[in-house]
Amino acid sequence: MNEIVTNLFHMTEPWPEKIIRSVAVYFFVYVALRVAGKRELGHASTADLILLLLISNTVQNAIIGDDMTLIGGLVGATVLLALNKGIVQWGYHSHRFTRLVEGVPCDLIRDGEVLTHMLLREKVTIQELAAACREQGVADFADVRRAVLETNGTISVIPKEPVDALTEQLNQMEATLRELLRRSDTELARQS
């Protein structure tokens, strides 16, 4: 019984080392995922999922070291959760920190024009952009006012305002009314 309690609760590494290991691994994985790009975060393929699982398994030993105790694992997990919560809170209160940590959204289409240099920079294919447009009900790039790669990797599409026949008729009627009012004001001014 004594051996079980020792294996569960007696850490073989000091607390500060466990905390430093957890913080270092957290920041390494965070930076590595940010360097991979926004696109990778929003569109996880099977290969991306496998990579994340392998990374988590690889860095596990870096966090726990030789310590296989229950308490050691719980300390590592607690540090990771607290660190993540702290970063979220800090980002909530500081827009500068949020931009640093999450990046900024970037335009992929502006007024119907595909910004190919941004597609290249963000590693988004024209097929992925077309699929995002279709998913949001826009069939042609020319019908897009703005398409934005968000910081979470999704693509938001803002269509151009449709100018249908009814809207055009209303605009013509307003122009006619303005002209009639102008003529009426001119005629009244002559009569006075």
Protein backbone atom coordinates (compact mmCIF):
# COMPACT_ATOMS: atom_id res chain seq x y z
CA MET A 1 0.00 0.00 0.00
CA ASN A 2 2.84 2.36 0.86
CA GLU A 3 4.36 1.80 -2.60
CA ILE A 4 1.06 2.74 -4.29
CA VAL A 5 0.80 5.99 -2.34
CA THR A 6 4.43 6.81 -3.14
CA ASN A 7 3.93 6.09 -6.86
CA LEU A 8 0.83 8.28 -6.98
CA PHE A 9 1.79 11.26 -4.85
CA HIS A 10 5.56 11.45 -4.32
CA MET A 11 6.94 13.54 -7.19
CA THR A 12 10.45 12.61 -8.28
CA GLU A 13 11.11 16.09 -9.69
CA PRO A 14 10.82 19.41 -7.84
CA TRP A 15 7.69 21.55 -8.31
CA PRO A 16 9.53 24.50 -9.91
CA GLU A 17 11.02 22.21 -12.56
CA LYS A 18 7.59 20.81 -13.36
CA ILE A 19 6.17 24.34 -13.74
CA ILE A 20 9.07 25.53 -15.93
CA ARG A 21 8.78 22.45 -18.15
CA SER A 22 5.02 22.99 -18.61
CA VAL A 23 5.37 26.70 -19.42
CA ALA A 24 8.24 26.12 -21.86
CA VAL A 25 6.39 23.39 -23.75
CA TYR A 26 3.17 25.43 -23.86
CA PHE A 27 4.93 28.41 -25.44
CA PHE A 28 6.87 26.22 -27.85
CA VAL A 29 3.72 24.50 -29.15
CA TYR A 30 1.82 27.80 -29.25
CA VAL A 31 4.52 29.55 -31.30
CA ALA A 32 4.91 26.50 -33.57
CA LEU A 33 1.19 26.50 -34.35
CA ARG A 34 1.19 30.27 -34.96
CA VAL A 35 4.13 29.94 -37.35
CA ALA A 36 2.18 27.23 -39.20
CA GLY A 37 -0.34 29.95 -40.10
CA LYS A 38 -3.97 30.90 -39.62
CA ARG A 39 -5.11 28.62 -42.39
CA GLU A 40 -3.82 25.56 -40.56
CA LEU A 41 -5.91 26.37 -37.50
CA GLY A 42 -9.20 26.72 -39.34
CA HIS A 43 -8.93 23.81 -41.76
CA ALA A 44 -7.53 20.80 -39.98
CA SER A 45 -6.98 17.91 -42.37
CA THR A 46 -6.31 14.33 -41.37
CA ALA A 47 -2.58 15.01 -41.64
CA ASP A 48 -2.95 18.07 -39.37
CA LEU A 49 -4.81 16.01 -36.77
CA ILE A 50 -2.16 13.30 -36.87
CA LEU A 51 0.55 15.95 -36.49
CA LEU A 52 -1.17 17.46 -33.43
CA LEU A 53 -1.57 14.04 -31.81
CA LEU A 54 2.08 13.19 -32.43
CA ILE A 55 3.24 16.57 -31.12
CA SER A 56 1.21 16.12 -27.95
CA ASN A 57 2.71 12.68 -27.43
CA THR A 58 6.22 13.95 -28.19
CA VAL A 59 6.11 16.88 -25.77
CA GLN A 60 4.47 14.86 -23.01
CA ASN A 61 7.84 13.67 -21.73
CA ALA A 62 9.19 17.19 -21.89
CA ILE A 63 6.43 18.24 -19.49
CA ILE A 64 6.49 15.32 -17.06
CA GLY A 65 10.17 14.31 -17.34
CA ASP A 66 10.92 11.13 -15.39
CA ASP A 67 8.02 11.80 -13.04
CA MET A 68 5.23 9.31 -13.66
CA THR A 69 3.19 10.15 -10.57
CA LEU A 70 -0.44 11.13 -10.59
CA ILE A 71 0.32 14.37 -8.78
CA GLY A 72 3.10 15.22 -11.27
CA GLY A 73 0.70 14.84 -14.21
CA LEU A 74 -1.96 16.89 -12.43
CA VAL A 75 0.56 19.65 -11.69
CA GLY A 76 1.59 19.77 -15.36
CA ALA A 77 -2.05 19.88 -16.52
CA THR A 78 -2.93 22.55 -13.95
CA VAL A 79 -0.04 24.74 -15.08
CA LEU A 80 -1.14 24.40 -18.74
CA LEU A 81 -4.75 25.27 -17.90
CA ALA A 82 -3.75 28.23 -15.73
CA LEU A 83 -1.36 29.52 -18.37
CA ASN A 84 -4.03 29.29 -21.07
CA LYS A 85 -6.57 31.04 -18.84
CA GLY A 86 -4.05 33.80 -18.09
CA ILE A 87 -3.30 34.37 -21.77
CA VAL A 88 -7.02 34.53 -22.60
CA GLN A 89 -7.61 37.04 -19.78
CA TRP A 90 -4.63 39.16 -20.78
CA GLY A 91 -5.79 39.16 -24.38
CA TYR A 92 -9.27 40.24 -23.29
CA HIS A 93 -7.84 43.33 -21.59
CA SER A 94 -5.12 44.21 -24.11
CA HIS A 95 -5.83 44.62 -27.81
CA ARG A 96 -2.10 44.95 -28.52
CA PHE A 97 -1.42 41.61 -26.82
CA THR A 98 -4.30 40.01 -28.75
CA ARG A 99 -2.84 41.21 -32.06
CA LEU A 100 0.57 39.89 -31.03
CA VAL A 101 -0.74 36.49 -29.97
CA GLU A 102 -3.55 35.91 -32.47
CA GLY A 103 -2.46 38.05 -35.40
CA VAL A 104 -4.82 40.18 -37.46
CA PRO A 105 -7.40 39.25 -40.07
CA CYS A 106 -6.32 39.81 -43.67
CA ASP A 107 -8.23 40.47 -46.88
CA LEU A 108 -8.18 37.84 -49.60
CA ILE A 109 -10.71 39.55 -51.90
CA ARG A 110 -11.45 43.26 -52.06
CA ASP A 111 -14.23 44.63 -54.31
CA GLY A 112 -14.30 41.48 -56.44
CA GLU A 113 -10.52 41.43 -56.95
CA VAL A 114 -8.64 38.40 -55.64
CA LEU A 115 -5.50 39.51 -53.79
CA THR A 116 -3.16 36.80 -55.03
CA HIS A 117 -0.20 38.09 -53.00
CA MET A 118 -2.26 37.56 -49.83
CA LEU A 119 -3.27 34.07 -50.94
CA LEU A 120 0.41 33.25 -51.40
CA ARG A 121 1.40 34.78 -48.07
CA GLU A 122 -1.31 32.94 -46.15
CA LYS A 123 -0.97 29.72 -48.19
CA VAL A 124 -4.64 29.67 -49.23
CA THR A 125 -5.40 28.10 -52.60
CA ILE A 126 -7.82 29.60 -55.07
CA GLN A 127 -9.89 26.40 -54.71
CA GLU A 128 -10.17 26.89 -50.94
CA LEU A 129 -11.21 30.51 -51.46
CA ALA A 130 -13.81 29.51 -54.07
CA ALA A 131 -15.17 26.83 -51.72
CA ALA A 132 -15.46 29.35 -48.87
CA CYS A 133 -17.37 31.72 -51.17
CA ARG A 134 -19.73 28.95 -52.30
CA GLU A 135 -20.33 27.85 -48.69
CA GLN A 136 -21.50 31.38 -47.94
CA GLY A 137 -23.77 31.62 -50.98
CA VAL A 138 -21.56 33.56 -53.40
CA ALA A 139 -20.85 31.89 -56.74
CA ASP A 140 -18.41 34.37 -58.31
CA PHE A 141 -15.47 36.35 -56.92
CA ALA A 142 -16.82 39.42 -58.76
CA ASP A 143 -19.84 39.32 -56.40
CA VAL A 144 -17.65 39.60 -53.28
CA ARG A 145 -17.13 42.95 -51.61
CA ARG A 146 -14.65 41.46 -49.16
CA ALA A 147 -13.32 38.03 -48.18
CA VAL A 148 -11.30 37.93 -44.98
CA LEU A 149 -9.06 35.23 -43.53
CA GLU A 150 -9.91 35.50 -39.84
CA THR A 151 -7.41 34.89 -37.06
CA ASN A 152 -9.01 31.51 -36.29
CA GLY A 153 -8.41 30.32 -39.86
CA THR A 154 -11.95 30.65 -41.20
CA ILE A 155 -12.76 32.74 -44.27
CA SER A 156 -15.58 35.27 -43.94
CA VAL A 157 -17.21 36.41 -47.17
CA ILE A 158 -19.14 39.68 -47.46
CA PRO A 159 -21.10 39.81 -50.72
CA LYS A 160 -21.61 42.98 -52.72
CA GLU A 161 -24.99 44.59 -52.27
CA PRO A 162 -27.30 43.21 -54.95
CA VAL A 163 -28.78 45.84 -57.24
CA ASP A 164 -31.98 44.24 -58.37
CA ALA A 165 -34.61 45.67 -60.71
CA LEU A 166 -36.83 46.95 -57.88
CA THR A 167 -33.97 48.88 -56.26
CA GLU A 168 -33.09 50.39 -59.64
CA GLN A 169 -36.72 51.44 -60.21
CA LEU A 170 -36.89 53.07 -56.76
CA ASN A 171 -33.69 55.01 -57.45
CA GLN A 172 -35.12 56.27 -60.77
CA MET A 173 -38.39 57.29 -59.07
CA GLU A 174 -36.47 59.23 -56.39
CA ALA A 175 -34.47 61.04 -59.08
CA THR A 176 -37.69 61.92 -60.93
CA LEU A 177 -39.31 63.22 -57.73
CA ARG A 178 -36.27 65.37 -56.94
CA GLU A 179 -36.39 66.83 -60.46
CA LEU A 180 -40.13 67.54 -60.17
CA LEU A 181 -39.63 69.23 -56.78
CA ARG A 182 -36.81 71.34 -58.20
CA ARG A 183 -38.98 72.44 -61.15
CA SER A 184 -41.88 73.17 -58.81
CA ASP A 185 -39.67 75.32 -56.56
CA THR A 186 -38.34 77.17 -59.62
CA GLU A 187 -41.88 77.81 -60.93
CA LEU A 188 -43.05 79.08 -57.51
CA ALA A 189 -40.05 81.40 -57.28
CA ARG A 190 -40.93 82.92 -60.73
CA GLN A 191 -44.55 83.50 -59.75
CA SER A 192 -43.66 85.37 -56.57
